[in-house]
Amino acid sequence: MFANAVAAGVSSAMVPGIPDAQGKPVALTHVVAVANDDRGVISPCGRCRQMMFDYYPDIKVIVKDDEGVLRTVSVQQLLPFAYDQKRIRRLGDPAKAALDY
């Protein structure tokens, strides 16, 4: 149940962007995922990564590396084999696109 609430919140923030003081959507440039129970910064889930890639392909993501150091990485680094609609359209046949990976 909690995961569904998180997914809904992420979807709401991503799709038009966060509104500014005048209510106009602002493009997201950086994002960080934080978990409860004192876990702190975590890496975003696969669904969130794909949404970021689709809506904000240049977004930077703050993550914690294996040593516990915070780093800023691109969404492409988190999702190296992302489903890319532009690539699929360019190659035409989805089966051909899948074989091209």
N, C-alpha and C. Protein backbone atom coordinates (compact mmCIF):
# COMPACT_ATOMS: atom_id res chain seq x y z
N MET A 1 0.82 -1.19 0.00
CA MET A 1 0.00 0.00 0.00
C MET A 1 0.86 1.25 0.00
N PHE A 2 1.90 1.29 0.85
CA PHE A 2 2.76 2.46 0.92
C PHE A 2 3.46 2.70 -0.40
N ALA A 3 3.91 1.63 -1.05
CA ALA A 3 4.60 1.79 -2.34
C ALA A 3 3.69 2.44 -3.37
N ASN A 4 2.41 2.10 -3.37
CA ASN A 4 1.47 2.72 -4.31
C ASN A 4 1.33 4.22 -4.04
N ALA A 5 1.33 4.60 -2.77
CA ALA A 5 1.23 6.03 -2.42
C ALA A 5 2.47 6.77 -2.89
N VAL A 6 3.63 6.15 -2.73
CA VAL A 6 4.87 6.77 -3.19
C VAL A 6 4.85 6.92 -4.70
N ALA A 7 4.44 5.88 -5.42
CA ALA A 7 4.38 5.95 -6.88
C ALA A 7 3.43 7.05 -7.33
N ALA A 8 2.31 7.20 -6.66
CA ALA A 8 1.37 8.26 -7.02
C ALA A 8 1.98 9.63 -6.78
N GLY A 9 2.71 9.79 -5.69
CA GLY A 9 3.35 11.06 -5.40
C GLY A 9 4.42 11.40 -6.42
N VAL A 10 5.21 10.42 -6.78
CA VAL A 10 6.25 10.63 -7.78
C VAL A 10 5.62 10.99 -9.11
N SER A 11 4.58 10.26 -9.49
CA SER A 11 3.90 10.56 -10.76
C SER A 11 3.37 11.98 -10.77
N SER A 12 2.77 12.41 -9.68
CA SER A 12 2.21 13.76 -9.59
C SER A 12 3.30 14.82 -9.71
N ALA A 13 4.45 14.57 -9.10
CA ALA A 13 5.54 15.54 -9.16
C ALA A 13 6.19 15.57 -10.52
N MET A 14 6.31 14.42 -11.16
CA MET A 14 7.02 14.33 -12.43
C MET A 14 6.21 14.87 -13.60
N VAL A 15 4.94 14.52 -13.67
CA VAL A 15 4.23 14.75 -14.92
C VAL A 15 4.02 16.22 -15.25
N PRO A 16 3.51 17.13 -14.49
CA PRO A 16 3.64 18.46 -15.06
C PRO A 16 4.84 19.19 -14.51
N GLY A 17 5.48 18.66 -13.49
CA GLY A 17 6.54 19.37 -12.78
C GLY A 17 5.95 20.00 -11.53
N ILE A 18 6.79 20.44 -10.65
CA ILE A 18 6.35 21.06 -9.41
C ILE A 18 5.89 22.49 -9.72
N PRO A 19 4.70 22.92 -9.25
CA PRO A 19 4.25 24.28 -9.56
C PRO A 19 5.05 25.34 -8.79
N ASP A 20 5.32 26.47 -9.45
CA ASP A 20 5.97 27.59 -8.78
C ASP A 20 4.91 28.42 -8.05
N ALA A 21 5.29 29.59 -7.53
CA ALA A 21 4.37 30.42 -6.75
C ALA A 21 3.16 30.87 -7.56
N GLN A 22 3.32 30.99 -8.87
CA GLN A 22 2.20 31.39 -9.73
C GLN A 22 1.41 30.18 -10.25
N GLY A 23 1.81 28.97 -9.86
CA GLY A 23 1.11 27.77 -10.29
C GLY A 23 1.58 27.19 -11.61
N LYS A 24 2.61 27.80 -12.21
CA LYS A 24 3.14 27.27 -13.47
C LYS A 24 4.14 26.15 -13.18
N PRO A 25 4.11 25.06 -13.96
CA PRO A 25 5.04 23.96 -13.70
C PRO A 25 6.48 24.36 -13.98
N VAL A 26 7.36 23.89 -13.12
CA VAL A 26 8.80 24.14 -13.25
C VAL A 26 9.47 22.80 -13.55
N ALA A 27 10.33 22.78 -14.52
CA ALA A 27 11.04 21.54 -14.86
C ALA A 27 11.96 21.13 -13.71
N LEU A 28 11.97 19.86 -13.42
CA LEU A 28 12.85 19.34 -12.38
C LEU A 28 14.26 19.21 -12.94
N THR A 29 15.26 19.58 -12.14
CA THR A 29 16.66 19.46 -12.56
C THR A 29 17.43 18.45 -11.72
N HIS A 30 17.04 18.30 -10.45
CA HIS A 30 17.70 17.37 -9.54
C HIS A 30 16.63 16.69 -8.69
N VAL A 31 16.91 15.46 -8.27
CA VAL A 31 15.97 14.72 -7.45
C VAL A 31 16.76 13.82 -6.49
N VAL A 32 16.17 13.57 -5.32
CA VAL A 32 16.76 12.65 -4.36
C VAL A 32 15.64 11.82 -3.74
N ALA A 33 15.88 10.53 -3.55
CA ALA A 33 14.92 9.65 -2.90
C ALA A 33 15.39 9.42 -1.46
N VAL A 34 14.48 9.57 -0.51
CA VAL A 34 14.82 9.40 0.89
C VAL A 34 13.86 8.39 1.50
N ALA A 35 14.42 7.43 2.24
CA ALA A 35 13.60 6.40 2.87
C ALA A 35 13.40 6.72 4.35
N ASN A 36 12.33 6.16 4.91
CA ASN A 36 12.08 6.34 6.33
C ASN A 36 12.93 5.37 7.15
N ASP A 37 12.68 5.29 8.44
CA ASP A 37 13.40 4.40 9.35
C ASP A 37 14.90 4.69 9.35
N ASP A 38 15.26 5.96 9.24
CA ASP A 38 16.66 6.40 9.30
C ASP A 38 17.55 5.79 8.22
N ARG A 39 16.97 5.36 7.11
CA ARG A 39 17.79 4.81 6.02
C ARG A 39 18.39 5.92 5.16
N GLY A 40 17.82 7.10 5.21
CA GLY A 40 18.38 8.24 4.49
C GLY A 40 18.22 8.12 2.98
N VAL A 41 19.22 8.62 2.26
CA VAL A 41 19.18 8.66 0.80
C VAL A 41 19.27 7.25 0.24
N ILE A 42 18.36 6.94 -0.69
CA ILE A 42 18.37 5.64 -1.36
C ILE A 42 18.31 5.88 -2.87
N SER A 43 18.57 4.86 -3.62
CA SER A 43 18.47 4.95 -5.07
C SER A 43 17.01 4.80 -5.48
N PRO A 44 16.54 5.57 -6.46
CA PRO A 44 15.14 5.45 -6.89
C PRO A 44 14.85 4.06 -7.48
N CYS A 45 13.60 3.65 -7.39
CA CYS A 45 13.19 2.35 -7.94
C CYS A 45 13.19 2.41 -9.47
N GLY A 46 13.04 1.28 -10.11
CA GLY A 46 13.05 1.20 -11.57
C GLY A 46 11.95 2.01 -12.23
N ARG A 47 10.75 1.97 -11.66
CA ARG A 47 9.64 2.73 -12.24
C ARG A 47 9.94 4.23 -12.20
N CYS A 48 10.45 4.70 -11.08
CA CYS A 48 10.77 6.12 -10.95
C CYS A 48 11.91 6.50 -11.90
N ARG A 49 12.89 5.63 -12.04
CA ARG A 49 13.99 5.89 -12.97
C ARG A 49 13.46 6.05 -14.39
N GLN A 50 12.56 5.16 -14.79
CA GLN A 50 12.02 5.23 -16.15
C GLN A 50 11.19 6.51 -16.34
N MET A 51 10.42 6.89 -15.32
CA MET A 51 9.64 8.13 -15.42
C MET A 51 10.55 9.33 -15.55
N MET A 52 11.63 9.36 -14.76
CA MET A 52 12.58 10.47 -14.88
C MET A 52 13.19 10.50 -16.27
N PHE A 53 13.56 9.34 -16.78
CA PHE A 53 14.15 9.25 -18.11
C PHE A 53 13.17 9.76 -19.17
N ASP A 54 11.90 9.39 -19.05
CA ASP A 54 10.88 9.79 -20.03
C ASP A 54 10.58 11.29 -19.99
N TYR A 55 10.40 11.84 -18.79
CA TYR A 55 9.97 13.23 -18.65
C TYR A 55 11.11 14.23 -18.52
N TYR A 56 12.21 13.82 -17.92
CA TYR A 56 13.35 14.71 -17.67
C TYR A 56 14.65 13.98 -17.97
N PRO A 57 14.96 13.69 -19.22
CA PRO A 57 16.14 12.88 -19.55
C PRO A 57 17.47 13.50 -19.10
N ASP A 58 17.49 14.79 -18.81
CA ASP A 58 18.73 15.43 -18.36
C ASP A 58 18.78 15.62 -16.85
N ILE A 59 17.82 15.07 -16.12
CA ILE A 59 17.77 15.25 -14.67
C ILE A 59 18.98 14.60 -14.00
N LYS A 60 19.42 15.19 -12.91
CA LYS A 60 20.50 14.64 -12.10
C LYS A 60 19.88 14.03 -10.85
N VAL A 61 20.44 12.89 -10.42
CA VAL A 61 19.90 12.14 -9.29
C VAL A 61 20.97 12.04 -8.21
N ILE A 62 20.60 12.39 -6.99
CA ILE A 62 21.53 12.29 -5.87
C ILE A 62 21.36 10.91 -5.25
N VAL A 63 22.45 10.16 -5.19
CA VAL A 63 22.44 8.79 -4.64
C VAL A 63 23.58 8.64 -3.64
N LYS A 64 23.53 7.57 -2.88
CA LYS A 64 24.60 7.24 -1.95
C LYS A 64 25.36 6.05 -2.54
N ASP A 65 26.69 6.18 -2.67
CA ASP A 65 27.47 5.07 -3.23
C ASP A 65 27.73 4.00 -2.17
N ASP A 66 28.48 2.96 -2.54
CA ASP A 66 28.73 1.83 -1.64
C ASP A 66 29.48 2.23 -0.37
N GLU A 67 30.21 3.33 -0.42
CA GLU A 67 30.95 3.81 0.75
C GLU A 67 30.12 4.79 1.59
N GLY A 68 28.90 5.07 1.16
CA GLY A 68 28.03 5.97 1.89
C GLY A 68 28.21 7.44 1.53
N VAL A 69 28.94 7.70 0.45
CA VAL A 69 29.18 9.08 0.01
C VAL A 69 28.08 9.48 -0.98
N LEU A 70 27.54 10.69 -0.79
CA LEU A 70 26.53 11.20 -1.72
C LEU A 70 27.18 11.61 -3.03
N ARG A 71 26.56 11.20 -4.13
CA ARG A 71 27.05 11.52 -5.47
C ARG A 71 25.88 11.99 -6.32
N THR A 72 26.19 12.79 -7.32
CA THR A 72 25.19 13.22 -8.29
C THR A 72 25.49 12.51 -9.60
N VAL A 73 24.49 11.78 -10.11
CA VAL A 73 24.66 11.02 -11.35
C VAL A 73 23.51 11.34 -12.30
N SER A 74 23.69 11.01 -13.55
CA SER A 74 22.61 11.21 -14.52
C SER A 74 21.63 10.05 -14.45
N VAL A 75 20.40 10.29 -14.89
CA VAL A 75 19.42 9.21 -14.91
C VAL A 75 19.86 8.12 -15.89
N GLN A 76 20.60 8.49 -16.93
CA GLN A 76 21.11 7.49 -17.88
C GLN A 76 22.09 6.53 -17.18
N GLN A 77 22.86 7.04 -16.21
CA GLN A 77 23.76 6.17 -15.46
C GLN A 77 22.98 5.17 -14.61
N LEU A 78 21.83 5.58 -14.11
CA LEU A 78 21.01 4.68 -13.30
C LEU A 78 20.19 3.72 -14.15
N LEU A 79 19.99 4.05 -15.39
CA LEU A 79 19.12 3.26 -16.27
C LEU A 79 19.80 3.10 -17.63
N PRO A 80 20.91 2.36 -17.68
CA PRO A 80 21.71 2.30 -18.92
C PRO A 80 21.00 1.67 -20.11
N PHE A 81 20.05 0.81 -19.89
CA PHE A 81 19.34 0.15 -20.99
C PHE A 81 17.87 0.54 -20.97
N ALA A 82 17.62 1.83 -20.84
CA ALA A 82 16.25 2.34 -20.71
C ALA A 82 15.42 2.08 -21.95
N TYR A 83 14.13 1.90 -21.74
CA TYR A 83 13.18 1.83 -22.85
C TYR A 83 13.07 3.24 -23.39
N ASP A 84 13.48 3.45 -24.62
CA ASP A 84 13.53 4.77 -25.23
C ASP A 84 12.61 4.82 -26.44
N GLN A 85 11.47 5.50 -26.31
CA GLN A 85 10.48 5.54 -27.39
C GLN A 85 11.04 6.15 -28.67
N LYS A 86 11.90 7.16 -28.54
CA LYS A 86 12.48 7.77 -29.74
C LYS A 86 13.33 6.76 -30.50
N ARG A 87 14.07 5.95 -29.77
CA ARG A 87 14.92 4.93 -30.39
C ARG A 87 14.06 3.87 -31.08
N ILE A 88 12.99 3.47 -30.42
CA ILE A 88 12.08 2.47 -30.99
C ILE A 88 11.48 3.00 -32.29
N ARG A 89 11.02 4.26 -32.27
CA ARG A 89 10.45 4.86 -33.49
C ARG A 89 11.48 4.94 -34.61
N ARG A 90 12.71 5.28 -34.27
CA ARG A 90 13.76 5.42 -35.27
C ARG A 90 14.04 4.08 -35.95
N LEU A 91 14.04 3.01 -35.18
CA LEU A 91 14.33 1.69 -35.73
C LEU A 91 13.11 1.05 -36.38
N GLY A 92 11.92 1.58 -36.09
CA GLY A 92 10.71 1.10 -36.74
C GLY A 92 10.10 -0.11 -36.08
N ASP A 93 10.67 -1.26 -36.26
CA ASP A 93 10.12 -2.52 -35.78
C ASP A 93 10.57 -2.76 -34.33
N PRO A 94 9.63 -2.89 -33.35
CA PRO A 94 10.02 -3.13 -31.96
C PRO A 94 10.89 -4.37 -31.78
N ALA A 95 10.64 -5.42 -32.56
CA ALA A 95 11.46 -6.63 -32.45
C ALA A 95 12.89 -6.33 -32.87
N LYS A 96 13.06 -5.56 -33.92
CA LYS A 96 14.39 -5.17 -34.38
C LYS A 96 15.09 -4.32 -33.32
N ALA A 97 14.34 -3.41 -32.71
CA ALA A 97 14.91 -2.55 -31.68
C ALA A 97 15.39 -3.39 -30.50
N ALA A 98 14.61 -4.41 -30.11
CA ALA A 98 15.00 -5.27 -28.99
C ALA A 98 16.28 -6.03 -29.31
N LEU A 99 16.41 -6.50 -30.54
CA LEU A 99 17.61 -7.24 -30.93
C LEU A 99 18.83 -6.34 -31.04
N ASP A 100 18.61 -5.05 -31.24
CA ASP A 100 19.70 -4.10 -31.41
C ASP A 100 20.40 -3.75 -30.11
N TYR A 101 19.81 -4.10 -28.95
CA TYR A 101 20.43 -3.77 -27.66
C TYR A 101 21.67 -4.52 -27.48
